[in-house]
Protein backbone atom coordinates (compact mmCIF):
# COMPACT_ATOMS: atom_id res chain seq x y z
CA MET A 1 0.16 0.00 -0.07
CA LYS A 2 1.36 3.35 -0.89
CA LEU A 3 0.89 5.66 2.17
CA PHE A 4 0.47 9.32 1.74
CA TYR A 5 3.09 11.46 3.57
CA LYS A 6 4.47 14.85 3.98
CA LYS A 7 8.26 15.64 4.22
CA LEU A 8 9.83 18.56 5.98
CA GLY A 9 13.29 19.64 7.21
CA SER A 10 16.70 17.59 7.18
CA GLY A 11 18.68 15.53 9.42
CA LYS A 12 18.10 12.33 11.17
CA PRO A 13 14.70 10.76 9.82
CA LEU A 14 11.90 10.96 12.30
CA VAL A 15 8.72 9.28 11.09
CA ILE A 16 5.36 10.33 12.95
CA LEU A 17 2.22 8.35 12.92
CA HIS A 18 -1.26 10.05 13.81
CA GLY A 19 -4.09 8.24 15.91
CA LEU A 20 -7.63 7.48 15.21
CA TYR A 21 -9.52 10.08 13.13
CA GLY A 22 -6.00 11.97 12.49
CA SER A 23 -3.83 12.54 9.53
CA SER A 24 -0.58 14.18 8.72
CA ASP A 25 -2.29 17.63 8.47
CA ASN A 26 -2.81 17.44 12.25
CA TRP A 27 0.93 17.14 12.88
CA MET A 28 2.02 19.95 10.77
CA THR A 29 2.71 22.32 13.69
CA ILE A 30 4.89 19.67 15.50
CA GLY A 31 6.61 18.95 12.18
CA ARG A 32 7.58 22.43 11.54
CA LYS A 33 8.90 22.75 15.21
CA LEU A 34 10.92 19.72 14.69
CA ALA A 35 12.24 20.37 11.08
CA ASP A 36 15.16 22.42 12.05
CA ASP A 37 16.74 19.53 13.71
CA PHE A 38 15.23 16.49 12.04
CA GLU A 39 14.01 15.17 8.45
CA ILE A 40 10.30 14.69 9.29
CA TYR A 41 7.98 12.40 7.68
CA LEU A 42 4.19 12.83 8.59
CA VAL A 43 2.39 9.57 7.39
CA ASP A 44 -1.29 9.02 6.91
CA GLN A 45 -2.15 5.47 7.97
CA ARG A 46 -4.49 3.36 5.90
CA ASN A 47 -8.15 4.33 5.88
CA HIS A 48 -7.18 8.06 6.96
CA GLY A 49 -6.21 11.12 5.26
CA ARG A 50 -5.04 10.80 1.74
CA SER A 51 -3.91 7.20 2.02
CA PRO A 52 -5.82 4.27 0.29
CA HIS A 53 -8.69 2.63 2.01
CA ALA A 54 -8.67 -1.05 2.80
CA ASP A 55 -10.83 -3.58 4.26
CA ARG A 56 -8.23 -4.59 7.05
CA HIS A 57 -7.35 -2.28 9.91
CA ASP A 58 -5.19 -3.97 12.36
CA TYR A 59 -1.81 -3.47 13.70
CA GLU A 60 -0.06 -6.08 11.60
CA SER A 61 -1.26 -4.69 8.30
CA MET A 62 -0.48 -1.18 9.56
CA SER A 63 3.20 -2.14 10.31
CA ASN A 64 3.47 -3.82 6.94
CA ASP A 65 2.14 -0.64 5.31
CA LEU A 66 4.87 1.30 7.11
CA LEU A 67 7.50 -1.12 6.15
CA ASP A 68 6.62 -0.48 2.41
CA PHE A 69 6.57 3.16 2.98
CA MET A 70 10.15 3.16 4.46
CA ASP A 71 11.27 0.87 1.75
CA ASP A 72 9.90 3.19 -0.94
CA ALA A 73 11.28 6.18 0.79
CA ASN A 74 14.77 4.52 1.13
CA LEU A 75 14.50 4.91 4.99
CA LYS A 76 16.67 2.13 6.38
CA ARG A 77 16.51 3.11 9.89
CA VAL A 78 14.40 5.88 11.71
CA VAL A 79 13.31 7.47 14.89
CA LEU A 80 9.62 6.20 14.89
CA ALA A 81 6.97 8.17 16.91
CA GLY A 82 3.09 7.50 17.06
CA HIS A 83 0.30 8.90 19.06
CA SER A 84 -2.55 6.80 20.19
CA MET A 85 -3.46 4.27 17.43
CA GLY A 86 -0.18 5.39 15.81
CA GLY A 87 1.70 4.61 19.07
CA LYS A 88 0.35 1.10 18.91
CA THR A 89 1.35 0.73 15.16
CA ALA A 90 4.95 2.00 16.17
CA MET A 91 5.14 -0.33 18.89
CA CYS A 92 4.05 -3.38 16.63
CA PHE A 93 6.47 -2.29 13.91
CA ALA A 94 9.41 -2.14 16.38
CA ASN A 95 8.94 -5.49 17.57
CA GLN A 96 8.38 -6.94 14.01
CA PHE A 97 11.30 -5.07 12.31
CA PRO A 98 13.63 -3.91 15.18
CA GLY A 99 16.54 -3.39 12.76
CA ARG A 100 14.61 -0.41 11.24
CA VAL A 101 14.01 1.42 14.45
CA GLU A 102 16.70 3.54 16.04
CA SER A 103 14.56 4.74 18.85
CA LEU A 104 10.96 4.88 19.77
CA ILE A 105 8.50 7.51 20.98
CA VAL A 106 4.97 6.33 22.07
CA VAL A 107 2.46 9.04 22.77
CA ASP A 108 -0.27 8.80 25.37
CA ILE A 109 -0.94 5.06 24.83
CA ALA A 110 0.23 1.79 26.23
CA PRO A 111 0.48 -1.76 24.75
CA LYS A 112 -2.62 -2.81 26.77
CA SER A 113 -6.25 -3.43 25.68
CA TYR A 114 -8.48 -0.38 25.98
CA LYS A 115 -11.81 -2.32 24.88
CA GLU A 116 -13.62 -2.21 28.03
CA ALA A 117 -12.47 1.26 28.89
CA TYR A 118 -13.95 2.86 25.73
CA ARG A 119 -17.27 0.96 25.98
CA ARG A 120 -17.72 2.65 29.39
CA GLU A 121 -17.06 6.01 28.14
CA ALA A 122 -19.97 8.62 28.02
CA LEU A 123 -19.10 9.27 24.59
CA SER A 124 -17.27 6.27 23.15
CA HIS A 125 -15.45 5.90 19.96
CA TYR A 126 -18.40 3.84 18.76
CA ASP A 127 -20.77 6.70 19.31
CA ILE A 128 -18.46 9.12 17.66
CA LEU A 129 -18.02 6.78 14.61
CA LYS A 130 -21.72 6.20 14.40
CA ALA A 131 -22.73 9.86 14.61
CA MET A 132 -20.20 10.41 11.72
CA GLN A 133 -21.68 7.62 9.68
CA ASP A 134 -25.19 9.13 10.36
CA ILE A 135 -24.47 12.31 8.64
CA ASP A 136 -26.92 13.00 5.83
CA PHE A 137 -24.58 14.79 3.33
CA SER A 138 -27.66 15.48 0.92
CA GLY A 139 -28.31 18.51 3.14
CA VAL A 140 -24.67 19.72 3.55
CA SER A 141 -23.50 22.72 1.69
CA ARG A 142 -20.91 23.96 4.24
CA ARG A 143 -18.75 22.42 6.79
CA ARG A 144 -20.77 24.28 9.43
CA ASP A 145 -23.77 22.09 8.39
CA VAL A 146 -21.72 18.88 9.50
CA ASP A 147 -20.80 20.52 12.83
CA ARG A 148 -24.48 21.30 13.46
CA MET A 149 -25.51 17.78 12.60
CA LEU A 150 -22.77 16.21 14.75
CA ALA A 151 -23.55 18.30 17.68
CA ARG A 152 -26.80 16.40 18.33
CA SER A 153 -24.57 13.59 19.51
CA VAL A 154 -21.14 15.04 19.90
CA GLY A 155 -21.45 17.93 22.35
CA ASN A 156 -17.73 18.72 22.75
CA GLU A 157 -16.91 21.32 20.23
CA ARG A 158 -13.27 20.64 20.32
CA ILE A 159 -13.98 17.00 19.26
CA ARG A 160 -16.19 18.14 16.54
CA SER A 161 -13.78 20.38 15.29
CA PHE A 162 -11.08 17.64 15.21
CA LEU A 163 -13.61 15.27 13.39
CA THR A 164 -14.60 17.79 10.72
CA LYS A 165 -11.05 18.04 9.58
CA ASN A 166 -11.67 14.55 7.93
CA LEU A 167 -14.17 16.34 5.57
CA GLY A 168 -13.37 16.46 1.88
CA LYS A 169 -15.03 17.02 -1.48
CA GLY A 170 -15.46 14.21 -4.10
CA GLU A 171 -15.56 14.45 -7.93
CA ASP A 172 -19.02 15.61 -7.58
CA ASN A 173 -17.93 18.54 -5.47
CA LYS A 174 -19.96 17.39 -2.72
CA TYR A 175 -18.84 16.91 0.98
CA ARG A 176 -18.01 13.49 2.15
CA TRP A 177 -15.77 11.84 4.85
CA THR A 178 -12.12 10.97 3.84
CA ILE A 179 -11.94 8.37 6.46
CA ASN A 180 -13.11 4.82 5.96
CA LEU A 181 -15.83 4.93 8.58
CA ASP A 182 -17.39 1.57 7.78
CA VAL A 183 -14.14 -0.39 8.25
CA LEU A 184 -13.14 1.66 11.25
CA LEU A 185 -16.36 0.84 12.88
CA ARG A 186 -16.13 -2.77 12.05
CA GLU A 187 -12.52 -3.02 13.28
CA LEU A 188 -12.93 -0.90 16.33
CA ASP A 189 -12.33 -3.75 18.90
CA ASN A 190 -9.08 -4.51 16.98
CA ILE A 191 -7.97 -0.90 17.19
CA MET A 192 -8.87 -0.65 20.76
CA ASP A 193 -7.17 -3.98 21.74
CA GLY A 194 -3.80 -4.55 22.98
CA ILE A 195 -0.72 -5.33 20.85
CA ASN A 196 -1.24 -9.07 20.20
CA GLU A 197 1.06 -12.08 19.56
CA LYS A 198 1.38 -11.23 15.93
CA CYS A 199 3.21 -8.08 17.08
CA PHE A 200 5.43 -9.11 19.77
CA ASP A 201 6.85 -11.95 21.76
CA PRO A 202 7.23 -11.05 25.36
CA ALA A 203 9.85 -13.67 25.76
CA SER A 204 12.04 -11.63 23.54
CA PRO A 205 11.93 -8.12 24.73
CA LEU A 206 13.82 -5.39 22.93
CA LYS A 207 16.52 -4.98 25.59
CA ASP A 208 18.54 -2.32 23.85
CA LEU A 209 15.96 -0.13 22.21
CA PRO A 210 15.60 3.41 23.68
CA VAL A 211 11.99 4.05 24.25
CA LEU A 212 10.24 7.20 25.58
CA PHE A 213 6.45 7.04 26.66
CA LEU A 214 4.96 10.71 26.71
CA LYS A 215 1.88 11.02 28.82
CA GLY A 216 -0.59 13.74 29.02
CA GLY A 217 -0.71 15.04 32.56
CA LYS A 218 -4.56 14.95 32.73
CA SER A 219 -4.95 11.77 30.59
CA PRO A 220 -5.76 8.49 31.92
CA TYR A 221 -4.45 6.44 28.99
CA ILE A 222 -1.16 5.55 30.56
CA LEU A 223 -1.10 4.71 34.21
CA GLU A 224 2.12 4.35 36.43
CA SER A 225 1.03 0.68 36.98
CA ASP A 226 1.21 0.09 33.18
CA MET A 227 5.01 0.42 33.21
CA GLU A 228 5.51 -2.89 34.64
CA PHE A 229 3.96 -4.51 31.56
CA ILE A 230 5.66 -1.96 29.13
CA LYS A 231 9.04 -2.77 30.65
CA GLN A 232 8.36 -6.46 29.85
CA ILE A 233 8.39 -5.63 26.22
CA PHE A 234 10.65 -2.50 26.24
CA PRO A 235 13.10 -2.90 29.21
CA GLN A 236 14.75 0.54 28.38
CA ALA A 237 11.31 2.41 28.40
CA ARG A 238 10.79 5.54 30.47
CA LEU A 239 7.84 7.66 31.13
CA GLU A 240 7.72 11.50 30.88
CA THR A 241 4.50 13.63 31.53
CA ILE A 242 3.60 16.73 29.85
CA PRO A 243 1.68 18.81 32.51
CA GLY A 244 -1.40 20.70 31.60
CA SER A 245 -2.25 18.51 28.60
CA GLY A 246 -4.76 15.63 27.98
CA HIS A 247 -4.73 12.96 25.30
CA TRP A 248 -4.02 15.31 22.42
CA LEU A 249 -0.77 16.50 24.29
CA HIS A 250 0.99 17.47 21.05
CA ALA A 251 -1.83 20.06 20.17
CA GLU A 252 -2.43 21.15 23.69
CA GLN A 253 1.09 21.69 24.78
CA PRO A 254 3.27 21.74 21.32
CA GLU A 255 6.24 23.60 22.76
CA ALA A 256 6.55 21.20 25.67
CA PHE A 257 5.99 18.23 23.54
CA ALA A 258 8.43 19.28 20.71
CA GLY A 259 11.12 19.98 23.42
CA ALA A 260 10.65 16.48 25.14
CA VAL A 261 11.02 14.86 21.61
CA LYS A 262 14.16 16.75 20.77
CA LYS A 263 15.73 15.98 24.13
CA PHE A 264 15.10 12.28 24.08
CA ILE A 265 16.41 12.03 20.39
CA LYS A 266 19.55 14.01 20.97
CA SER A 267 20.35 11.94 24.13
CA ILE A 268 20.71 8.95 22.18
CA PRO A 269 24.24 7.86 20.98
CA PRO A 270 24.66 7.19 17.37
CA GLN A 271 23.80 3.54 16.23
CA THR A 272 22.16 2.79 19.64
CA GLY A 273 19.95 -0.45 19.33
CA PRO A 274 19.78 -3.31 16.95
CA PRO A 275 22.18 -3.40 13.98
CA ASP A 276 21.19 -1.94 10.55
CA PRO A 277 19.52 -4.60 8.33
CA GLU A 278 21.71 -6.36 5.80
């Protein structure tokens, strides 16, 4: 699969993967902040942004998409960062293809399952996807119309603003969703699940891989108690909290986020981790 991406800056390659409902566009602010120090690749994952749609949406498939992207872009070894769903893709990729990852940054997600937690939320991902799916585009002439329809189910204006960034126009010049709602809704349990045995073997941890987990200070997605399981997979992992931020810490505290990323990457000696692939 040929993934869409945006490239900025020069230097050590840093690949960034967005989360559910996201795209490369959502990371341009961070990309620009990091582009003076690194060669940034902002990638749209399958069924999102301007990348192709597919019937499967699981972490094994998304890891293989990333491998194809890196091969096409002639990226042999990168710093890999991912937020939420993108963080799980990044973790899976690092375990499947350790020789391609110099260091790993996982943003506000743990390798555990979130299936039960999201089902208990007052506004679950299922509710959000259904609300998006139920939009009647025959009555839409402006983006504001979609926001008004979404407001019946999604009361949070900030969430609606984030969701409506997934609006685009088809060849008929009419609005539509650019993300693959049907597949994302069907595969939601897989997206919310933990990193499974297809992605990593707990008996073979990545002992030498430098890993930073970044947590939003007000976010419940990573708990201190999760670190025991995280270190079974990534023994070198460390956790850093960005105060005053929730799950979208890169958008809420961009300066602190970019600073933490720069500090971590620059702290790693050259060629740390598994050897380059043959």
